[in-house]
Amino acid sequence: MQLDSIEQRTLNSGYLVARTTEHLKLTVIATVLIMAIAVPLGIVASRVRARWVPPVLLGLANIGQATPAIGVLVLLTILYGPGFGVAMTSLVAYSALPVLRNTLVGIQQVDRSLIEAARGMGMKPAQILLRIELPLAVPVILAGLRTALVFCVGVATLATFVNAGGLGDIIVNGIKLDRTAVLVTGSVVTASIALLVDWAGGLAEQALRPKGI
């Protein structure tokens, strides 16, 4: 298909690579932050004896996901101005729930008899967590991370509205300029990355799953 001069400004290798790199950067950094925040919170929630703590933590995370991401972006932009940090905060708030929930559920589903046996062997709580509970919960945690990754890829397209770049720039250009080729290209690349991330997450689940599970 012959591209006109306007389409060529967007559909060229340099622009596409730059926007894709920004999109992957947003996704990777958000995922690292989610793991650093949600996994420890899930561990803490599984350890506290107060029954109200886990529902409260899950409720807060659920609010972040239930709130429209574009609404969070607008609110944060009004408060702090546009930028990378605003986009990152929105991504983390929207995508943290699957990792937090799966960490909590994964640890809670570990067979209690295994924990009692470990205690009988003289293992301390920290040793039980690191050597028994977390390894057995890995498949469930990774399933949550896989879901969070796909969420991040999709929501990262909204980063364009706060000047944080990403493939959303291409999609918005296609809409503003009324260029179907530009719009379809941005959408297809975004969907392809989401599918690729989901596939890679499946491979990671298989590779990191403890033997015998």
Protein backbone atom coordinates (compact mmCIF):
# COMPACT_ATOMS: atom_id res chain seq x y z
CA MET A 1 0.00 0.00 0.00
CA GLN A 2 1.29 3.45 -0.95
CA LEU A 3 1.67 5.73 2.08
CA ASP A 4 1.09 9.46 1.84
CA SER A 5 3.48 11.99 3.37
CA ILE A 6 1.55 12.19 6.65
CA GLU A 7 1.53 8.41 7.12
CA GLN A 8 5.23 8.17 6.32
CA ARG A 9 6.05 10.46 9.26
CA THR A 10 4.63 7.83 11.62
CA LEU A 11 5.02 4.54 9.77
CA ASN A 12 8.78 4.47 9.48
CA SER A 13 11.26 2.21 11.23
CA GLY A 14 12.79 4.90 13.44
CA TYR A 15 9.48 6.14 14.84
CA LEU A 16 8.06 2.64 15.30
CA VAL A 17 11.15 1.35 17.09
CA ALA A 18 11.26 4.40 19.38
CA ARG A 19 7.60 4.09 20.37
CA THR A 20 7.87 0.32 20.84
CA THR A 21 10.94 0.77 23.04
CA GLU A 22 9.10 3.33 25.17
CA HIS A 23 6.14 0.98 25.47
CA LEU A 24 8.33 -1.94 26.58
CA LYS A 25 10.13 0.34 29.04
CA LEU A 26 6.83 1.35 30.60
CA THR A 27 5.71 -2.27 30.83
CA VAL A 28 8.96 -3.65 32.27
CA ILE A 29 9.42 -0.94 34.91
CA ALA A 30 5.78 -1.17 35.97
CA THR A 31 6.07 -4.96 36.28
CA VAL A 32 9.20 -4.70 38.43
CA LEU A 33 7.47 -2.18 40.71
CA ILE A 34 4.39 -4.38 40.94
CA MET A 35 6.48 -7.37 41.99
CA ALA A 36 8.39 -5.26 44.52
CA ILE A 37 5.14 -3.97 46.05
CA ALA A 38 2.52 -6.69 45.60
CA VAL A 39 4.54 -9.79 46.53
CA PRO A 40 5.73 -8.44 49.92
CA LEU A 41 2.21 -7.19 50.66
CA GLY A 42 0.82 -10.61 49.80
CA ILE A 43 3.33 -12.26 52.12
CA VAL A 44 2.49 -9.84 54.95
CA ALA A 45 -1.24 -10.43 54.42
CA SER A 46 -0.72 -14.18 54.68
CA ARG A 47 1.21 -13.77 57.93
CA VAL A 48 -1.01 -11.44 59.96
CA ARG A 49 -3.49 -13.04 62.29
CA ALA A 50 -6.07 -10.27 61.99
CA ARG A 51 -8.63 -11.56 59.51
CA TRP A 52 -9.59 -8.08 58.33
CA VAL A 53 -6.16 -7.26 56.89
CA PRO A 54 -6.24 -9.45 53.72
CA PRO A 55 -9.70 -8.24 52.62
CA VAL A 56 -8.64 -4.62 53.16
CA LEU A 57 -5.47 -5.01 51.08
CA LEU A 58 -7.32 -6.84 48.32
CA GLY A 59 -10.07 -4.24 48.45
CA LEU A 60 -7.60 -1.40 47.98
CA ALA A 61 -5.95 -3.20 45.06
CA ASN A 62 -9.37 -3.92 43.59
CA ILE A 63 -10.23 -0.22 43.75
CA GLY A 64 -7.11 0.52 41.71
CA GLN A 65 -8.16 -1.95 39.03
CA ALA A 66 -11.85 -1.06 39.08
CA THR A 67 -11.14 2.65 38.63
CA PRO A 68 -10.79 3.51 34.92
CA ALA A 69 -7.10 3.95 34.14
CA ILE A 70 -7.76 7.08 32.11
CA GLY A 71 -9.55 8.58 35.12
CA VAL A 72 -6.53 7.91 37.34
CA LEU A 73 -4.27 9.48 34.74
CA VAL A 74 -6.41 12.61 34.56
CA LEU A 75 -6.61 12.97 38.35
CA LEU A 76 -2.87 12.49 38.84
CA THR A 77 -2.10 14.86 36.00
CA ILE A 78 -4.25 17.56 37.61
CA LEU A 79 -2.44 17.05 40.91
CA TYR A 80 1.15 16.56 39.74
CA GLY A 81 1.27 17.42 36.05
CA PRO A 82 1.93 15.09 33.11
CA GLY A 83 4.97 12.85 32.89
CA PHE A 84 6.46 9.39 33.16
CA GLY A 85 5.82 9.09 36.89
CA VAL A 86 2.09 9.70 36.49
CA ALA A 87 1.86 7.00 33.82
CA MET A 88 3.83 4.59 35.99
CA THR A 89 1.64 5.19 39.04
CA SER A 90 -1.47 4.48 37.01
CA LEU A 91 0.00 1.30 35.55
CA VAL A 92 1.01 -0.06 38.95
CA ALA A 93 -2.33 0.82 40.56
CA TYR A 94 -4.28 -0.82 37.74
CA SER A 95 -2.22 -4.02 37.42
CA ALA A 96 -1.15 -4.87 40.99
CA LEU A 97 -4.26 -6.85 41.98
CA PRO A 98 -3.51 -10.16 40.17
CA VAL A 99 -0.03 -10.42 41.72
CA LEU A 100 -1.19 -9.45 45.22
CA ARG A 101 -4.16 -11.81 45.14
CA ASN A 102 -2.21 -14.73 43.69
CA THR A 103 0.63 -14.31 46.18
CA LEU A 104 -1.81 -14.43 49.07
CA VAL A 105 -3.79 -17.35 47.66
CA GLY A 106 -0.67 -19.27 46.64
CA ILE A 107 0.80 -19.13 50.14
CA GLN A 108 -2.53 -19.92 51.82
CA GLN A 109 -3.00 -23.01 49.64
CA VAL A 110 0.25 -24.64 50.75
CA ASP A 111 -0.54 -27.90 52.55
CA ARG A 112 -0.50 -27.22 56.29
CA SER A 113 0.94 -30.67 56.97
CA LEU A 114 4.12 -29.67 55.12
CA ILE A 115 4.46 -26.59 57.30
CA GLU A 116 3.92 -28.60 60.47
CA ALA A 117 6.53 -31.12 59.33
CA ALA A 118 9.00 -28.30 58.72
CA ARG A 119 8.33 -26.90 62.19
CA GLY A 120 8.89 -30.37 63.61
CA MET A 121 12.28 -30.41 61.91
CA GLY A 122 13.19 -27.19 63.71
CA MET A 123 12.87 -24.78 60.78
CA LYS A 124 12.21 -21.15 61.64
CA PRO A 125 9.28 -19.19 60.13
CA ALA A 126 11.56 -17.36 57.67
CA GLN A 127 13.06 -20.66 56.52
CA ILE A 128 9.62 -22.18 56.07
CA LEU A 129 8.55 -19.19 53.98
CA LEU A 130 11.63 -19.13 51.74
CA ARG A 131 12.18 -22.88 51.36
CA ILE A 132 8.65 -24.29 51.36
CA GLU A 133 5.81 -21.79 51.02
CA LEU A 134 7.15 -19.45 48.36
CA PRO A 135 8.56 -22.21 46.11
CA LEU A 136 5.22 -24.04 46.23
CA ALA A 137 3.36 -20.78 45.57
CA VAL A 138 5.53 -19.85 42.57
CA PRO A 139 3.17 -21.25 39.89
CA VAL A 140 0.23 -19.26 41.28
CA ILE A 141 2.30 -16.08 41.67
CA LEU A 142 3.61 -16.37 38.12
CA ALA A 143 0.07 -16.77 36.80
CA GLY A 144 -0.81 -13.46 38.45
CA LEU A 145 2.32 -11.82 37.06
CA ARG A 146 1.44 -13.06 33.58
CA THR A 147 -1.97 -11.41 33.86
CA ALA A 148 -0.44 -8.20 35.20
CA LEU A 149 1.98 -8.06 32.26
CA VAL A 150 -0.84 -8.23 29.75
CA PHE A 151 -2.72 -5.52 31.65
CA CYS A 152 0.38 -3.31 31.60
CA VAL A 153 0.84 -3.69 27.85
CA GLY A 154 -2.74 -2.60 27.20
CA VAL A 155 -2.93 0.24 29.72
CA ALA A 156 0.48 1.60 28.68
CA THR A 157 -1.14 2.87 25.47
CA LEU A 158 -2.81 5.55 27.62
CA ALA A 159 0.60 6.92 28.59
CA THR A 160 0.49 9.01 25.45
CA PHE A 161 -2.06 11.32 27.12
CA VAL A 162 0.50 12.34 29.77
CA ASN A 163 3.45 12.72 27.40
CA ALA A 164 5.03 9.42 28.46
CA GLY A 165 5.25 8.00 24.94
CA GLY A 166 4.57 4.43 23.94
CA LEU A 167 2.54 2.90 21.15
CA GLY A 168 -0.42 5.00 22.18
CA ASP A 169 1.25 7.84 20.25
CA ILE A 170 0.76 5.91 17.01
CA ILE A 171 -2.84 4.99 17.80
CA VAL A 172 -3.77 8.54 18.73
CA ASN A 173 -2.04 9.88 15.61
CA GLY A 174 -4.11 7.52 13.52
CA ILE A 175 -7.30 8.78 15.13
CA LYS A 176 -6.42 12.49 14.98
CA LEU A 177 -5.14 12.38 11.41
CA ASP A 178 -7.88 10.02 10.21
CA ARG A 179 -5.32 7.56 8.87
CA THR A 180 -6.55 3.97 9.12
CA ALA A 181 -3.14 2.51 8.27
CA VAL A 182 -1.53 4.33 11.20
CA LEU A 183 -4.30 3.35 13.62
CA VAL A 184 -4.24 -0.31 12.57
CA THR A 185 -0.45 -0.48 12.77
CA GLY A 186 -0.36 0.84 16.32
CA SER A 187 -3.16 -1.48 17.41
CA VAL A 188 -1.65 -4.56 15.78
CA VAL A 189 1.81 -3.93 17.26
CA THR A 190 0.30 -3.44 20.73
CA ALA A 191 -1.77 -6.63 20.44
CA SER A 192 1.26 -8.54 19.16
CA ILE A 193 3.34 -7.45 22.15
CA ALA A 194 0.53 -8.51 24.53
CA LEU A 195 0.37 -11.95 22.90
CA LEU A 196 4.16 -12.27 22.95
CA VAL A 197 4.29 -11.31 26.63
CA ASP A 198 1.56 -13.82 27.46
CA TRP A 199 3.45 -16.55 25.57
CA ALA A 200 6.73 -15.68 27.31
CA GLY A 201 4.92 -15.71 30.65
CA GLY A 202 3.68 -19.22 29.93
CA LEU A 203 7.23 -20.37 29.21
CA ALA A 204 8.44 -18.74 32.44
CA GLU A 205 5.74 -20.56 34.41
CA GLN A 206 6.91 -23.89 33.05
CA ALA A 207 10.61 -23.13 33.54
CA LEU A 208 10.30 -21.78 37.13
CA ARG A 209 7.74 -24.29 38.34
CA PRO A 210 9.34 -26.46 41.08
CA LYS A 211 9.89 -30.04 40.02
CA GLY A 212 7.16 -32.41 41.07
CA ILE A 213 4.36 -29.79 41.02
